[in-house]
Amino acid sequence: ILELLIQRDGEFQELMKLAVDQGKIHHEMQLLEKVVEKRDNDIQQLQKQLKEAEHILATAVYQAKEKLKSIEKARKG
């Protein structure tokens, strides 16, 4: 019976080590999820800024084309 207890204790120790290792992995995963979430928020913010810049640029290009049309019309007229 003593050998069985020693064997069970060894199995228990292995399971405890496995549980500790899994706990560490779980903690690491949580930290990585937070990093991913922050990066995702950064990307969303950059996408928003890019859309705003794209809109401003499109407006500027449109206004420049209109101005060129006006200049061309003035030259001809």
PDB file of N, CA and C in Angstrom:
ATOM      1  N   ILE A   1       0.825  -1.208   0.000  1.00  0.00           N
ATOM      2  CA  ILE A   1       0.000   0.000   0.000  1.00  0.00           C
ATOM      3  C   ILE A   1       0.863   1.263   0.000  1.00  0.00           C
ATOM      4  N   LEU A   2       2.029   1.177   0.632  1.00  0.00           N
ATOM      5  CA  LEU A   2       2.939   2.322   0.667  1.00  0.00           C
ATOM      6  C   LEU A   2       3.424   2.666  -0.735  1.00  0.00           C
ATOM      7  N   GLU A   3       3.727   1.616  -1.521  1.00  0.00           N
ATOM      8  CA  GLU A   3       4.172   1.847  -2.899  1.00  0.00           C
ATOM      9  C   GLU A   3       3.071   2.523  -3.709  1.00  0.00           C
ATOM     10  N   LEU A   4       1.851   2.106  -3.488  1.00  0.00           N
ATOM     11  CA  LEU A   4       0.714   2.712  -4.183  1.00  0.00           C
ATOM     12  C   LEU A   4       0.578   4.182  -3.802  1.00  0.00           C
ATOM     13  N   LEU A   5       0.741   4.485  -2.521  1.00  0.00           N
ATOM     14  CA  LEU A   5       0.679   5.882  -2.073  1.00  0.00           C
ATOM     15  C   LEU A   5       1.797   6.710  -2.688  1.00  0.00           C
ATOM     16  N   ILE A   6       2.982   6.130  -2.759  1.00  0.00           N
ATOM     17  CA  ILE A   6       4.120   6.836  -3.365  1.00  0.00           C
ATOM     18  C   ILE A   6       3.851   7.072  -4.850  1.00  0.00           C
ATOM     19  N   GLN A   7       3.303   6.046  -5.516  1.00  0.00           N
ATOM     20  CA  GLN A   7       2.969   6.181  -6.939  1.00  0.00           C
ATOM     21  C   GLN A   7       1.918   7.265  -7.138  1.00  0.00           C
ATOM     22  N   ARG A   8       0.873   7.233  -6.310  1.00  0.00           N
ATOM     23  CA  ARG A   8      -0.197   8.233  -6.412  1.00  0.00           C
ATOM     24  C   ARG A   8       0.341   9.633  -6.133  1.00  0.00           C
ATOM     25  N   ASP A   9       1.249   9.724  -5.167  1.00  0.00           N
ATOM     26  CA  ASP A   9       1.838  11.024  -4.854  1.00  0.00           C
ATOM     27  C   ASP A   9       2.632  11.543  -6.051  1.00  0.00           C
ATOM     28  N   GLY A  10       3.365  10.653  -6.707  1.00  0.00           N
ATOM     29  CA  GLY A  10       4.116  11.043  -7.906  1.00  0.00           C
ATOM     30  C   GLY A  10       3.187  11.526  -9.001  1.00  0.00           C
ATOM     31  N   GLU A  11       2.090  10.805  -9.202  1.00  0.00           N
ATOM     32  CA  GLU A  11       1.100  11.213 -10.208  1.00  0.00           C
ATOM     33  C   GLU A  11       0.501  12.564  -9.843  1.00  0.00           C
ATOM     34  N   PHE A  12       0.209  12.723  -8.559  1.00  0.00           N
ATOM     35  CA  PHE A  12      -0.365  13.985  -8.090  1.00  0.00           C
ATOM     36  C   PHE A  12       0.612  15.135  -8.321  1.00  0.00           C
ATOM     37  N   GLN A  13       1.884  14.899  -8.029  1.00  0.00           N
ATOM     38  CA  GLN A  13       2.902  15.938  -8.229  1.00  0.00           C
ATOM     39  C   GLN A  13       3.005  16.314  -9.709  1.00  0.00           C
ATOM     40  N   GLU A  14       2.939  15.315 -10.583  1.00  0.00           N
ATOM     41  CA  GLU A  14       2.975  15.579 -12.026  1.00  0.00           C
ATOM     42  C   GLU A  14       1.768  16.410 -12.450  1.00  0.00           C
ATOM     43  N   LEU A  15       0.598  16.038 -11.925  1.00  0.00           N
ATOM     44  CA  LEU A  15      -0.612  16.795 -12.259  1.00  0.00           C
ATOM     45  C   LEU A  15      -0.531  18.226 -11.737  1.00  0.00           C
ATOM     46  N   MET A  16       0.026  18.396 -10.548  1.00  0.00           N
ATOM     47  CA  MET A  16       0.176  19.745  -9.988  1.00  0.00           C
ATOM     48  C   MET A  16       1.122  20.581 -10.846  1.00  0.00           C
ATOM     49  N   LYS A  17       2.215  19.963 -11.302  1.00  0.00           N
ATOM     50  CA  LYS A  17       3.159  20.674 -12.168  1.00  0.00           C
ATOM     51  C   LYS A  17       2.473  21.058 -13.475  1.00  0.00           C
ATOM     52  N   LEU A  18       1.700  20.128 -14.022  1.00  0.00           N
ATOM     53  CA  LEU A  18       0.968  20.402 -15.253  1.00  0.00           C
ATOM     54  C   LEU A  18      -0.015  21.552 -15.047  1.00  0.00           C
ATOM     55  N   ALA A  19      -0.710  21.552 -13.912  1.00  0.00           N
ATOM     56  CA  ALA A  19      -1.670  22.619 -13.618  1.00  0.00           C
ATOM     57  C   ALA A  19      -0.963  23.964 -13.501  1.00  0.00           C
ATOM     58  N   VAL A  20       0.192  23.982 -12.853  1.00  0.00           N
ATOM     59  CA  VAL A  20       0.963  25.227 -12.725  1.00  0.00           C
ATOM     60  C   VAL A  20       1.409  25.707 -14.100  1.00  0.00           C
ATOM     61  N   ASP A  21       1.909  24.784 -14.919  1.00  0.00           N
ATOM     62  CA  ASP A  21       2.338  25.141 -16.274  1.00  0.00           C
ATOM     63  C   ASP A  21       1.174  25.697 -17.092  1.00  0.00           C
ATOM     64  N   GLN A  22       0.019  25.047 -16.980  1.00  0.00           N
ATOM     65  CA  GLN A  22      -1.154  25.522 -17.713  1.00  0.00           C
ATOM     66  C   GLN A  22      -1.590  26.892 -17.207  1.00  0.00           C
ATOM     67  N   GLY A  23      -1.459  27.113 -15.908  1.00  0.00           N
ATOM     68  CA  GLY A  23      -1.786  28.425 -15.346  1.00  0.00           C
ATOM     69  C   GLY A  23      -0.880  29.501 -15.905  1.00  0.00           C
ATOM     70  N   LYS A  24       0.412  29.182 -16.034  1.00  0.00           N
ATOM     71  CA  LYS A  24       1.359  30.143 -16.608  1.00  0.00           C
ATOM     72  C   LYS A  24       1.013  30.438 -18.062  1.00  0.00           C
ATOM     73  N   ILE A  25       0.692  29.387 -18.800  1.00  0.00           N
ATOM     74  CA  ILE A  25       0.322  29.553 -20.210  1.00  0.00           C
ATOM     75  C   ILE A  25      -0.946  30.395 -20.325  1.00  0.00           C
ATOM     76  N   HIS A  26      -1.908  30.124 -19.461  1.00  0.00           N
ATOM     77  CA  HIS A  26      -3.154  30.892 -19.472  1.00  0.00           C
ATOM     78  C   HIS A  26      -2.873  32.368 -19.198  1.00  0.00           C
ATOM     79  N   HIS A  27      -2.022  32.635 -18.237  1.00  0.00           N
ATOM     80  CA  HIS A  27      -1.672  34.018 -17.900  1.00  0.00           C
ATOM     81  C   HIS A  27      -0.982  34.697 -19.089  1.00  0.00           C
ATOM     82  N   GLU A  28      -0.060  33.974 -19.733  1.00  0.00           N
ATOM     83  CA  GLU A  28       0.623  34.511 -20.911  1.00  0.00           C
ATOM     84  C   GLU A  28      -0.377  34.824 -22.017  1.00  0.00           C
ATOM     85  N   MET A  29      -1.333  33.921 -22.206  1.00  0.00           N
ATOM     86  CA  MET A  29      -2.345  34.134 -23.245  1.00  0.00           C
ATOM     87  C   MET A  29      -3.181  35.372 -22.945  1.00  0.00           C
ATOM     88  N   GLN A  30      -3.515  35.580 -21.678  1.00  0.00           N
ATOM     89  CA  GLN A  30      -4.284  36.767 -21.309  1.00  0.00           C
ATOM     90  C   GLN A  30      -3.491  38.033 -21.606  1.00  0.00           C
ATOM     91  N   LEU A  31      -2.200  38.017 -21.297  1.00  0.00           N
ATOM     92  CA  LEU A  31      -1.356  39.176 -21.584  1.00  0.00           C
ATOM     93  C   LEU A  31      -1.289  39.431 -23.086  1.00  0.00           C
ATOM     94  N   LEU A  32      -1.132  38.356 -23.858  1.00  0.00           N
ATOM     95  CA  LEU A  32      -1.073  38.499 -25.310  1.00  0.00           C
ATOM     96  C   LEU A  32      -2.398  38.995 -25.880  1.00  0.00           C
ATOM     97  N   GLU A  33      -3.508  38.550 -25.307  1.00  0.00           N
ATOM     98  CA  GLU A  33      -4.814  39.025 -25.760  1.00  0.00           C
ATOM     99  C   GLU A  33      -4.946  40.528 -25.526  1.00  0.00           C
ATOM    100  N   LYS A  34      -4.416  41.013 -24.402  1.00  0.00           N
ATOM    101  CA  LYS A  34      -4.451  42.449 -24.135  1.00  0.00           C
ATOM    102  C   LYS A  34      -3.604  43.213 -25.148  1.00  0.00           C
ATOM    103  N   VAL A  35      -2.445  42.657 -25.494  1.00  0.00           N
ATOM    104  CA  VAL A  35      -1.582  43.292 -26.489  1.00  0.00           C
ATOM    105  C   VAL A  35      -2.296  43.334 -27.840  1.00  0.00           C
ATOM    106  N   VAL A  36      -2.922  42.218 -28.214  1.00  0.00           N
ATOM    107  CA  VAL A  36      -3.648  42.153 -29.485  1.00  0.00           C
ATOM    108  C   VAL A  36      -4.793  43.165 -29.492  1.00  0.00           C
ATOM    109  N   GLU A  37      -5.510  43.261 -28.381  1.00  0.00           N
ATOM    110  CA  GLU A  37      -6.619  44.212 -28.287  1.00  0.00           C
ATOM    111  C   GLU A  37      -6.118  45.647 -28.454  1.00  0.00           C
ATOM    112  N   LYS A  38      -4.984  45.968 -27.839  1.00  0.00           N
ATOM    113  CA  LYS A  38      -4.424  47.313 -27.969  1.00  0.00           C
ATOM    114  C   LYS A  38      -4.014  47.581 -29.409  1.00  0.00           C
ATOM    115  N   ARG A  39      -3.351  46.600 -30.014  1.00  0.00           N
ATOM    116  CA  ARG A  39      -2.929  46.764 -31.413  1.00  0.00           C
ATOM    117  C   ARG A  39      -4.151  46.927 -32.326  1.00  0.00           C
ATOM    118  N   ASP A  40      -5.193  46.170 -32.046  1.00  0.00           N
ATOM    119  CA  ASP A  40      -6.420  46.268 -32.834  1.00  0.00           C
ATOM    120  C   ASP A  40      -7.009  47.670 -32.721  1.00  0.00           C
ATOM    121  N   ASN A  41      -7.032  48.206 -31.502  1.00  0.00           N
ATOM    122  CA  ASN A  41      -7.528  49.568 -31.306  1.00  0.00           C
ATOM    123  C   ASN A  41      -6.653  50.574 -32.039  1.00  0.00           C
ATOM    124  N   ASP A  42      -5.331  50.362 -31.995  1.00  0.00           N
ATOM    125  CA  ASP A  42      -4.413  51.246 -32.716  1.00  0.00           C
ATOM    126  C   ASP A  42      -4.707  51.209 -34.213  1.00  0.00           C
ATOM    127  N   ILE A  43      -4.911  50.007 -34.741  1.00  0.00           N
ATOM    128  CA  ILE A  43      -5.200  49.852 -36.167  1.00  0.00           C
ATOM    129  C   ILE A  43      -6.511  50.544 -36.529  1.00  0.00           C
ATOM    130  N   GLN A  44      -7.534  50.369 -35.697  1.00  0.00           N
ATOM    131  CA  GLN A  44      -8.815  51.020 -35.961  1.00  0.00           C
ATOM    132  C   GLN A  44      -8.667  52.537 -35.965  1.00  0.00           C
ATOM    133  N   GLN A  45      -7.881  53.071 -35.034  1.00  0.00           N
ATOM    134  CA  GLN A  45      -7.659  54.515 -34.969  1.00  0.00           C
ATOM    135  C   GLN A  45      -6.920  54.990 -36.221  1.00  0.00           C
ATOM    136  N   LEU A  46      -5.917  54.232 -36.637  1.00  0.00           N
ATOM    137  CA  LEU A  46      -5.171  54.595 -37.845  1.00  0.00           C
ATOM    138  C   LEU A  46      -6.060  54.522 -39.086  1.00  0.00           C
ATOM    139  N   GLN A  47      -6.939  53.525 -39.141  1.00  0.00           N
ATOM    140  CA  GLN A  47      -7.864  53.429 -40.272  1.00  0.00           C
ATOM    141  C   GLN A  47      -8.784  54.643 -40.318  1.00  0.00           C
ATOM    142  N   LYS A  48      -9.243  55.070 -39.158  1.00  0.00           N
ATOM    143  CA  LYS A  48     -10.113  56.245 -39.084  1.00  0.00           C
ATOM    144  C   LYS A  48      -9.365  57.486 -39.574  1.00  0.00           C
ATOM    145  N   GLN A  49      -8.121  57.647 -39.125  1.00  0.00           N
ATOM    146  CA  GLN A  49      -7.323  58.795 -39.552  1.00  0.00           C
ATOM    147  C   GLN A  49      -7.048  58.739 -41.050  1.00  0.00           C
ATOM    148  N   LEU A  50      -6.806  57.537 -41.561  1.00  0.00           N
ATOM    149  CA  LEU A  50      -6.555  57.373 -42.989  1.00  0.00           C
ATOM    150  C   LEU A  50      -7.786  57.752 -43.807  1.00  0.00           C
ATOM    151  N   LYS A  51      -8.967  57.350 -43.339  1.00  0.00           N
ATOM    152  CA  LYS A  51     -10.206  57.716 -44.040  1.00  0.00           C
ATOM    153  C   LYS A  51     -10.393  59.231 -44.050  1.00  0.00           C
ATOM    154  N   GLU A  52     -10.111  59.874 -42.913  1.00  0.00           N
ATOM    155  CA  GLU A  52     -10.228  61.329 -42.841  1.00  0.00           C
ATOM    156  C   GLU A  52      -9.251  61.995 -43.808  1.00  0.00           C
ATOM    157  N   ALA A  53      -8.016  61.501 -43.840  1.00  0.00           N
ATOM    158  CA  ALA A  53      -7.008  62.057 -44.744  1.00  0.00           C
ATOM    159  C   ALA A  53      -7.416  61.839 -46.200  1.00  0.00           C
ATOM    160  N   GLU A  54      -7.970  60.668 -46.483  1.00  0.00           N
ATOM    161  CA  GLU A  54      -8.426  60.359 -47.837  1.00  0.00           C
ATOM    162  C   GLU A  54      -9.535  61.328 -48.259  1.00  0.00           C
ATOM    163  N   HIS A  55     -10.452  61.605 -47.354  1.00  0.00           N
ATOM    164  CA  HIS A  55     -11.542  62.533 -47.648  1.00  0.00           C
ATOM    165  C   HIS A  55     -10.996  63.939 -47.905  1.00  0.00           C
ATOM    166  N   ILE A  56     -10.075  64.383 -47.055  1.00  0.00           N
ATOM    167  CA  ILE A  56      -9.480  65.712 -47.224  1.00  0.00           C
ATOM    168  C   ILE A  56      -8.751  65.795 -48.560  1.00  0.00           C
ATOM    169  N   LEU A  57      -7.994  64.755 -48.888  1.00  0.00           N
ATOM    170  CA  LEU A  57      -7.249  64.730 -50.143  1.00  0.00           C
ATOM    171  C   LEU A  57      -8.194  64.720 -51.345  1.00  0.00           C
ATOM    172  N   ALA A  58      -9.256  63.944 -51.271  1.00  0.00           N
ATOM    173  CA  ALA A  58     -10.222  63.895 -52.380  1.00  0.00           C
ATOM    174  C   ALA A  58     -10.862  65.262 -52.585  1.00  0.00           C
ATOM    175  N   THR A  59     -11.181  65.930 -51.489  1.00  0.00           N
ATOM    176  CA  THR A  59     -11.758  67.276 -51.580  1.00  0.00           C
ATOM    177  C   THR A  59     -10.761  68.243 -52.207  1.00  0.00           C
ATOM    178  N   ALA A  60      -9.505  68.164 -51.791  1.00  0.00           N
ATOM    179  CA  ALA A  60      -8.473  69.049 -52.333  1.00  0.00           C
ATOM    180  C   ALA A  60      -8.265  68.797 -53.823  1.00  0.00           C
ATOM    181  N   VAL A  61      -8.265  67.538 -54.234  1.00  0.00           N
ATOM    182  CA  VAL A  61      -8.102  67.204 -55.652  1.00  0.00           C
ATOM    183  C   VAL A  61      -9.284  67.742 -56.452  1.00  0.00           C
ATOM    184  N   TYR A  62     -10.487  67.574 -55.932  1.00  0.00           N
ATOM    185  CA  TYR A  62     -11.678  68.086 -56.618  1.00  0.00           C
ATOM    186  C   TYR A  62     -11.590  69.605 -56.777  1.00  0.00           C
ATOM    187  N   GLN A  63     -11.231  70.295 -55.697  1.00  0.00           N
ATOM    188  CA  GLN A  63     -11.122  71.754 -55.751  1.00  0.00           C
ATOM    189  C   GLN A  63     -10.034  72.191 -56.730  1.00  0.00           C
ATOM    190  N   ALA A  64      -8.931  71.460 -56.774  1.00  0.00           N
ATOM    191  CA  ALA A  64      -7.851  71.790 -57.706  1.00  0.00           C
ATOM    192  C   ALA A  64      -8.321  71.614 -59.148  1.00  0.00           C
ATOM    193  N   LYS A  65      -9.066  70.548 -59.413  1.00  0.00           N
ATOM    194  CA  LYS A  65      -9.593  70.332 -60.765  1.00  0.00           C
ATOM    195  C   LYS A  65     -10.549  71.451 -61.162  1.00  0.00           C
ATOM    196  N   GLU A  66     -11.409  71.844 -60.227  1.00  0.00           N
ATOM    197  CA  GLU A  66     -12.345  72.936 -60.504  1.00  0.00           C
ATOM    198  C   GLU A  66     -11.589  74.233 -60.787  1.00  0.00           C
ATOM    199  N   LYS A  67     -10.534  74.476 -60.033  1.00  0.00           N
ATOM    200  CA  LYS A  67      -9.739  75.687 -60.231  1.00  0.00           C
ATOM    201  C   LYS A  67      -9.064  75.644 -61.599  1.00  0.00           C
ATOM    202  N   LEU A  68      -8.538  74.476 -61.984  1.00  0.00           N
ATOM    203  CA  LEU A  68      -7.920  74.339 -63.301  1.00  0.00           C
ATOM    204  C   LEU A  68      -8.940  74.577 -64.415  1.00  0.00           C
ATOM    205  N   LYS A  69     -10.151  74.058 -64.228  1.00  0.00           N
ATOM    206  CA  LYS A  69     -11.206  74.303 -65.216  1.00  0.00           C
ATOM    207  C   LYS A  69     -11.483  75.794 -65.328  1.00  0.00           C
ATOM    208  N   SER A  70     -11.536  76.455 -64.189  1.00  0.00           N
ATOM    209  CA  SER A  70     -11.804  77.892 -64.161  1.00  0.00           C
ATOM    210  C   SER A  70     -10.684  78.664 -64.857  1.00  0.00           C
ATOM    211  N   ILE A  71      -9.445  78.283 -64.606  1.00  0.00           N
ATOM    212  CA  ILE A  71      -8.300  78.945 -65.248  1.00  0.00           C
ATOM    213  C   ILE A  71      -8.343  78.712 -66.748  1.00  0.00           C
ATOM    214  N   GLU A  72      -8.620  77.475 -67.145  1.00  0.00           N
ATOM    215  CA  GLU A  72      -8.694  77.139 -68.569  1.00  0.00           C
ATOM    216  C   GLU A  72      -9.818  77.925 -69.245  1.00  0.00           C
ATOM    217  N   LYS A  73     -10.934  78.044 -68.572  1.00  0.00           N
ATOM    218  CA  LYS A  73     -12.072  78.794 -69.113  1.00  0.00           C
ATOM    219  C   LYS A  73     -11.709  80.269 -69.258  1.00  0.00           C
ATOM    220  N   ALA A  74     -10.997  80.821 -68.286  1.00  0.00           N
ATOM    221  CA  ALA A  74     -10.596  82.230 -68.332  1.00  0.00           C
ATOM    222  C   ALA A  74      -9.610  82.471 -69.471  1.00  0.00           C
ATOM    223  N   ARG A  75      -8.733  81.529 -69.722  1.00  0.00           N
ATOM    224  CA  ARG A  75      -7.767  81.675 -70.822  1.00  0.00           C
ATOM    225  C   ARG A  75      -8.476  81.691 -72.173  1.00  0.00           C
ATOM    226  N   LYS A  76      -9.467  80.822 -72.311  1.00  0.00           N
ATOM    227  CA  LYS A  76     -10.182  80.725 -73.583  1.00  0.00           C
ATOM    228  C   LYS A  76     -11.135  81.898 -73.773  1.00  0.00           C
ATOM    229  N   GLY A  77     -11.703  82.361 -72.680  1.00  0.00           N
ATOM    230  CA  GLY A  77     -12.722  83.396 -72.769  1.00  0.00           C
ATOM    231  C   GLY A  77     -12.099  84.728 -72.743  1.00  0.00           C
TER     232      GLY A  77
END
